[in-house]
N, C-alpha and C. Protein backbone atom coordinates (compact mmCIF):
# COMPACT_ATOMS: atom_id res chain seq x y z
N MET A 1 -27.05 -31.65 3.73
CA MET A 1 -26.68 -32.99 3.35
C MET A 1 -26.64 -33.87 4.60
N VAL A 2 -27.11 -35.09 4.50
CA VAL A 2 -27.10 -36.04 5.60
C VAL A 2 -25.83 -36.89 5.51
N PHE A 3 -25.23 -37.17 6.64
CA PHE A 3 -24.00 -37.96 6.71
C PHE A 3 -24.25 -39.37 6.19
N ASP A 4 -23.43 -39.82 5.22
CA ASP A 4 -23.57 -41.16 4.65
C ASP A 4 -22.37 -42.06 4.95
N GLY A 5 -21.50 -41.62 5.84
CA GLY A 5 -20.32 -42.40 6.21
C GLY A 5 -19.05 -41.92 5.52
N SER A 6 -19.19 -41.06 4.53
CA SER A 6 -18.01 -40.56 3.82
C SER A 6 -17.57 -39.21 4.39
N LYS A 7 -16.30 -38.94 4.28
CA LYS A 7 -15.75 -37.66 4.72
C LYS A 7 -16.42 -36.50 3.98
N GLU A 8 -16.71 -36.72 2.72
CA GLU A 8 -17.31 -35.67 1.90
C GLU A 8 -18.72 -35.30 2.35
N SER A 9 -19.40 -36.19 3.07
CA SER A 9 -20.75 -35.88 3.54
C SER A 9 -20.76 -35.21 4.92
N CYS A 10 -19.59 -35.01 5.51
CA CYS A 10 -19.50 -34.33 6.79
C CYS A 10 -19.88 -32.86 6.60
N PRO A 11 -20.64 -32.29 7.54
CA PRO A 11 -21.07 -30.89 7.39
C PRO A 11 -19.92 -29.89 7.50
N ASN A 12 -18.80 -30.33 8.04
CA ASN A 12 -17.63 -29.47 8.22
C ASN A 12 -16.58 -29.70 7.14
N TYR A 13 -16.94 -30.40 6.07
CA TYR A 13 -16.03 -30.66 4.96
C TYR A 13 -16.15 -29.54 3.93
N GLU A 14 -15.08 -28.78 3.79
CA GLU A 14 -15.06 -27.68 2.83
C GLU A 14 -13.67 -27.58 2.23
N ASN A 15 -13.59 -27.30 0.96
CA ASN A 15 -12.31 -27.14 0.27
C ASN A 15 -11.38 -28.33 0.50
N GLU A 16 -11.94 -29.52 0.43
CA GLU A 16 -11.22 -30.78 0.57
C GLU A 16 -10.52 -30.97 1.92
N SER A 17 -11.06 -30.36 2.98
CA SER A 17 -10.52 -30.57 4.32
C SER A 17 -11.64 -30.49 5.35
N LEU A 18 -11.36 -31.02 6.53
CA LEU A 18 -12.32 -31.01 7.63
C LEU A 18 -11.92 -29.96 8.66
N ASN A 19 -12.87 -29.12 9.04
CA ASN A 19 -12.66 -28.18 10.13
C ASN A 19 -13.20 -28.87 11.38
N THR A 20 -12.31 -29.34 12.25
CA THR A 20 -12.72 -30.15 13.40
C THR A 20 -12.84 -29.36 14.70
N GLY A 21 -12.93 -28.05 14.60
CA GLY A 21 -13.05 -27.22 15.79
C GLY A 21 -14.36 -27.45 16.54
N TYR A 22 -14.34 -27.16 17.82
CA TYR A 22 -15.51 -27.33 18.68
C TYR A 22 -16.71 -26.53 18.17
N ASP A 23 -16.47 -25.30 17.74
CA ASP A 23 -17.56 -24.47 17.22
C ASP A 23 -18.23 -25.12 16.01
N GLU A 24 -17.43 -25.77 15.18
CA GLU A 24 -17.99 -26.47 14.01
C GLU A 24 -18.86 -27.65 14.46
N PHE A 25 -18.43 -28.37 15.49
CA PHE A 25 -19.22 -29.50 15.99
C PHE A 25 -20.56 -29.01 16.51
N ILE A 26 -20.56 -27.92 17.26
CA ILE A 26 -21.81 -27.35 17.79
C ILE A 26 -22.70 -26.87 16.65
N ARG A 27 -22.11 -26.16 15.68
CA ARG A 27 -22.87 -25.67 14.54
C ARG A 27 -23.48 -26.84 13.76
N ALA A 28 -22.71 -27.90 13.58
CA ALA A 28 -23.20 -29.07 12.84
C ALA A 28 -24.38 -29.72 13.56
N GLY A 29 -24.41 -29.63 14.88
CA GLY A 29 -25.52 -30.20 15.64
C GLY A 29 -26.84 -29.50 15.39
N GLU A 30 -26.78 -28.27 14.94
CA GLU A 30 -27.99 -27.51 14.64
C GLU A 30 -28.63 -27.95 13.33
N ALA A 31 -27.93 -28.76 12.53
CA ALA A 31 -28.43 -29.20 11.22
C ALA A 31 -29.42 -30.36 11.34
N ASP A 32 -29.60 -30.92 12.53
CA ASP A 32 -30.58 -31.97 12.78
C ASP A 32 -30.29 -33.26 12.01
N ASP A 33 -29.02 -33.60 11.85
CA ASP A 33 -28.64 -34.87 11.23
C ASP A 33 -28.69 -35.94 12.32
N PRO A 34 -29.44 -37.03 12.14
CA PRO A 34 -29.53 -38.04 13.20
C PRO A 34 -28.19 -38.72 13.52
N ALA A 35 -27.21 -38.59 12.66
CA ALA A 35 -25.89 -39.19 12.90
C ALA A 35 -25.05 -38.35 13.85
N HIS A 36 -25.38 -37.08 14.01
CA HIS A 36 -24.58 -36.17 14.85
C HIS A 36 -24.47 -36.73 16.27
N GLY A 37 -23.24 -36.85 16.73
CA GLY A 37 -22.97 -37.35 18.08
C GLY A 37 -22.67 -38.83 18.13
N ARG A 38 -23.01 -39.55 17.08
CA ARG A 38 -22.78 -41.00 17.07
C ARG A 38 -21.36 -41.32 16.64
N LEU A 39 -20.89 -42.52 16.98
CA LEU A 39 -19.49 -42.88 16.83
C LEU A 39 -18.94 -42.66 15.42
N ASP A 40 -19.56 -43.23 14.39
CA ASP A 40 -19.01 -43.11 13.03
C ASP A 40 -18.92 -41.65 12.60
N TYR A 41 -19.97 -40.91 12.84
CA TYR A 41 -20.01 -39.48 12.48
C TYR A 41 -18.94 -38.70 13.23
N ASN A 42 -18.91 -38.84 14.54
CA ASN A 42 -17.95 -38.08 15.35
C ASN A 42 -16.51 -38.41 14.99
N LYS A 43 -16.21 -39.71 14.82
CA LYS A 43 -14.84 -40.11 14.48
C LYS A 43 -14.45 -39.60 13.10
N LYS A 44 -15.32 -39.81 12.11
CA LYS A 44 -15.00 -39.45 10.73
C LYS A 44 -14.93 -37.93 10.55
N CYS A 45 -15.90 -37.21 11.09
CA CYS A 45 -16.00 -35.77 10.83
C CYS A 45 -15.19 -34.91 11.79
N PHE A 46 -15.05 -35.34 13.05
CA PHE A 46 -14.44 -34.47 14.06
C PHE A 46 -13.30 -35.12 14.84
N ASN A 47 -13.03 -36.40 14.60
CA ASN A 47 -11.98 -37.13 15.29
C ASN A 47 -12.16 -37.07 16.82
N ILE A 48 -13.40 -37.28 17.25
CA ILE A 48 -13.73 -37.30 18.67
C ILE A 48 -14.56 -38.54 18.99
N CYS A 49 -14.76 -38.80 20.26
CA CYS A 49 -15.56 -39.94 20.71
C CYS A 49 -17.05 -39.68 20.48
N ALA A 50 -17.80 -40.75 20.53
CA ALA A 50 -19.26 -40.63 20.44
C ALA A 50 -19.78 -39.85 21.64
N THR A 51 -20.80 -39.06 21.42
CA THR A 51 -21.45 -38.35 22.52
C THR A 51 -22.88 -38.84 22.70
N ILE A 52 -23.33 -39.71 21.78
CA ILE A 52 -24.68 -40.27 21.84
C ILE A 52 -24.62 -41.74 21.45
N THR A 53 -25.35 -42.58 22.18
CA THR A 53 -25.52 -43.99 21.82
C THR A 53 -26.99 -44.32 21.91
N GLY A 54 -27.34 -45.56 21.65
CA GLY A 54 -28.71 -46.01 21.78
C GLY A 54 -29.51 -45.75 20.51
N PRO A 55 -30.77 -46.17 20.54
CA PRO A 55 -31.62 -46.00 19.35
C PRO A 55 -31.91 -44.53 19.04
N THR A 56 -32.18 -44.26 17.79
CA THR A 56 -32.44 -42.88 17.35
C THR A 56 -33.62 -42.26 18.10
N ASP A 57 -34.65 -43.07 18.39
CA ASP A 57 -35.84 -42.52 19.05
C ASP A 57 -35.68 -42.41 20.57
N ASN A 58 -34.57 -42.94 21.12
CA ASN A 58 -34.32 -42.86 22.55
C ASN A 58 -32.82 -42.78 22.81
N PRO A 59 -32.17 -41.70 22.34
CA PRO A 59 -30.71 -41.61 22.46
C PRO A 59 -30.25 -41.43 23.90
N ILE A 60 -29.05 -41.91 24.17
CA ILE A 60 -28.43 -41.79 25.48
C ILE A 60 -27.19 -40.91 25.32
N THR A 61 -27.12 -39.82 26.07
CA THR A 61 -25.97 -38.93 26.01
C THR A 61 -24.82 -39.56 26.78
N LYS A 62 -23.63 -39.53 26.19
CA LYS A 62 -22.44 -40.11 26.81
C LYS A 62 -21.45 -39.01 27.15
N ASN A 63 -20.74 -39.18 28.25
CA ASN A 63 -19.69 -38.28 28.69
C ASN A 63 -18.38 -39.04 28.50
N MET A 64 -17.64 -38.71 27.42
CA MET A 64 -16.49 -39.49 27.02
C MET A 64 -15.21 -38.66 26.97
N TYR A 65 -14.07 -39.34 27.08
CA TYR A 65 -12.77 -38.73 26.87
C TYR A 65 -11.96 -39.66 25.97
N ILE A 66 -10.91 -39.13 25.36
CA ILE A 66 -10.04 -39.94 24.51
C ILE A 66 -8.62 -39.91 25.07
N ASP A 67 -8.02 -41.11 25.18
CA ASP A 67 -6.66 -41.25 25.70
C ASP A 67 -5.97 -42.33 24.88
N ASN A 68 -4.85 -41.99 24.28
CA ASN A 68 -4.13 -42.93 23.42
C ASN A 68 -5.04 -43.49 22.32
N GLU A 69 -5.83 -42.62 21.72
CA GLU A 69 -6.73 -42.95 20.62
C GLU A 69 -7.85 -43.92 21.01
N GLU A 70 -8.09 -44.08 22.31
CA GLU A 70 -9.17 -44.94 22.80
C GLU A 70 -10.22 -44.08 23.48
N CYS A 71 -11.47 -44.32 23.14
CA CYS A 71 -12.57 -43.61 23.77
C CYS A 71 -13.02 -44.37 25.02
N SER A 72 -13.22 -43.65 26.11
CA SER A 72 -13.68 -44.24 27.36
C SER A 72 -14.68 -43.31 28.02
N GLU A 73 -15.55 -43.90 28.84
CA GLU A 73 -16.51 -43.09 29.58
C GLU A 73 -15.80 -42.34 30.70
N CYS A 74 -16.19 -41.11 30.92
CA CYS A 74 -15.59 -40.30 31.98
C CYS A 74 -15.88 -40.91 33.35
N PRO A 75 -14.95 -40.76 34.29
CA PRO A 75 -15.16 -41.30 35.64
C PRO A 75 -16.17 -40.47 36.42
N ASP A 76 -16.68 -41.07 37.47
CA ASP A 76 -17.54 -40.35 38.42
C ASP A 76 -16.71 -39.23 39.02
N PRO A 77 -17.17 -37.97 38.96
CA PRO A 77 -16.37 -36.88 39.50
C PRO A 77 -16.11 -37.01 41.00
N ASP A 78 -16.88 -37.81 41.67
CA ASP A 78 -16.71 -38.03 43.11
C ASP A 78 -16.06 -39.39 43.38
N ASP A 79 -15.11 -39.80 42.52
CA ASP A 79 -14.50 -41.13 42.69
C ASP A 79 -13.50 -41.20 43.85
N GLY A 80 -13.24 -40.07 44.50
CA GLY A 80 -12.39 -40.05 45.69
C GLY A 80 -10.90 -40.02 45.42
N THR A 81 -10.48 -39.92 44.16
CA THR A 81 -9.05 -39.97 43.86
C THR A 81 -8.38 -38.60 43.85
N ILE A 82 -9.14 -37.54 43.72
CA ILE A 82 -8.52 -36.22 43.55
C ILE A 82 -7.78 -35.76 44.80
N ASN A 83 -8.25 -36.13 45.98
CA ASN A 83 -7.61 -35.68 47.22
C ASN A 83 -6.66 -36.71 47.82
N GLN A 84 -6.45 -37.82 47.13
CA GLN A 84 -5.54 -38.86 47.61
C GLN A 84 -4.10 -38.51 47.24
N ARG A 85 -3.17 -39.00 48.02
CA ARG A 85 -1.74 -38.78 47.74
C ARG A 85 -1.20 -39.98 46.96
N TYR A 86 -0.52 -39.68 45.86
CA TYR A 86 0.06 -40.72 45.02
C TYR A 86 1.52 -40.39 44.78
N ASN A 87 2.30 -41.41 44.43
CA ASN A 87 3.71 -41.21 44.06
C ASN A 87 4.05 -42.23 42.97
N SER A 88 5.32 -42.29 42.59
CA SER A 88 5.71 -43.18 41.49
C SER A 88 5.51 -44.66 41.81
N ASP A 89 5.42 -45.01 43.09
CA ASP A 89 5.17 -46.40 43.49
C ASP A 89 3.68 -46.69 43.68
N ASN A 90 2.89 -45.65 43.75
CA ASN A 90 1.46 -45.78 44.01
C ASN A 90 0.72 -44.81 43.10
N LEU A 91 0.47 -45.22 41.86
CA LEU A 91 -0.16 -44.35 40.87
C LEU A 91 -1.68 -44.37 41.03
N PRO A 92 -2.36 -43.31 40.64
CA PRO A 92 -3.82 -43.32 40.70
C PRO A 92 -4.38 -44.36 39.72
N PRO A 93 -5.55 -44.89 40.00
CA PRO A 93 -6.15 -45.88 39.10
C PRO A 93 -6.33 -45.28 37.69
N LEU A 94 -6.03 -46.08 36.67
CA LEU A 94 -6.22 -45.63 35.30
C LEU A 94 -7.67 -45.23 35.06
N GLY A 95 -7.86 -44.10 34.42
CA GLY A 95 -9.21 -43.63 34.10
C GLY A 95 -9.89 -42.90 35.24
N SER A 96 -9.20 -42.74 36.37
CA SER A 96 -9.79 -42.02 37.50
C SER A 96 -9.68 -40.51 37.26
N VAL A 97 -10.39 -39.74 38.06
CA VAL A 97 -10.32 -38.28 37.95
C VAL A 97 -8.88 -37.81 38.11
N ARG A 98 -8.18 -38.36 39.09
CA ARG A 98 -6.79 -37.95 39.33
C ARG A 98 -5.89 -38.31 38.16
N ASP A 99 -6.07 -39.51 37.61
CA ASP A 99 -5.29 -39.95 36.45
C ASP A 99 -5.50 -39.01 35.27
N LEU A 100 -6.75 -38.71 34.96
CA LEU A 100 -7.05 -37.83 33.82
C LEU A 100 -6.57 -36.41 34.08
N THR A 101 -6.66 -35.95 35.33
CA THR A 101 -6.18 -34.62 35.69
C THR A 101 -4.67 -34.55 35.50
N ASN A 102 -3.95 -35.58 35.98
CA ASN A 102 -2.49 -35.63 35.83
C ASN A 102 -2.08 -35.61 34.36
N LYS A 103 -2.87 -36.26 33.52
CA LYS A 103 -2.57 -36.32 32.08
C LYS A 103 -3.01 -35.05 31.35
N GLY A 104 -3.76 -34.19 32.04
CA GLY A 104 -4.24 -32.95 31.43
C GLY A 104 -5.41 -33.15 30.48
N ILE A 105 -6.16 -34.24 30.66
CA ILE A 105 -7.27 -34.51 29.74
C ILE A 105 -8.64 -34.57 30.43
N TYR A 106 -8.68 -34.30 31.73
CA TYR A 106 -9.98 -34.35 32.42
C TYR A 106 -10.92 -33.26 31.91
N GLY A 107 -10.38 -32.23 31.32
CA GLY A 107 -11.20 -31.16 30.75
C GLY A 107 -12.10 -31.63 29.62
N MET A 108 -11.83 -32.82 29.04
CA MET A 108 -12.71 -33.36 28.01
C MET A 108 -14.05 -33.81 28.59
N CYS A 109 -14.07 -34.10 29.86
CA CYS A 109 -15.29 -34.59 30.51
C CYS A 109 -16.20 -33.41 30.85
N SER A 110 -17.45 -33.52 30.49
CA SER A 110 -18.36 -32.39 30.66
C SER A 110 -18.66 -32.07 32.12
N ASP A 111 -18.35 -33.00 33.03
CA ASP A 111 -18.58 -32.72 34.45
C ASP A 111 -17.31 -32.27 35.16
N SER A 112 -16.26 -31.98 34.39
CA SER A 112 -15.03 -31.47 35.02
C SER A 112 -15.21 -30.00 35.36
N PRO A 113 -14.47 -29.51 36.35
CA PRO A 113 -14.61 -28.10 36.71
C PRO A 113 -14.09 -27.13 35.64
N TRP A 114 -13.39 -27.66 34.62
CA TRP A 114 -12.84 -26.81 33.57
C TRP A 114 -13.73 -26.70 32.36
N TRP A 115 -14.91 -27.32 32.39
CA TRP A 115 -15.79 -27.34 31.23
C TRP A 115 -16.63 -26.15 31.13
C-alpha cells in the first residue's frame, strides 16, 4: 500500500497501532514508497523528522534531530564546540554539537560517533 497521508496507510500500522521502532522504519524503506523519508510520512508513521527533501526525481538526504518537538538540521560535527569549556554563565550555542551532546540527543545525528 502507498502512503496517502492517513495513519492507516502507514506500512507499520497493524492492529490499530503504529510500530515506530527503527527496524520498522528501515523495513518500510524497502517497500519503495516515494513518501518514505519525507516529512508527512515520517511524522505521521514514525514520529520522526524528515530524512529526505527535494523533488522525487532528485531527493536530498537530510541529517536531522528533534528537540522539544522541533526538527532541525544536525550541526557540523567539526563546529568546534565539543572541546570548549562552558559553565552556567556561558552555555554552548543552541543546536551545537556540545549542546546536543549535553542534552543526550546528538546520537540522532548520523554523523555522531554514537551512530
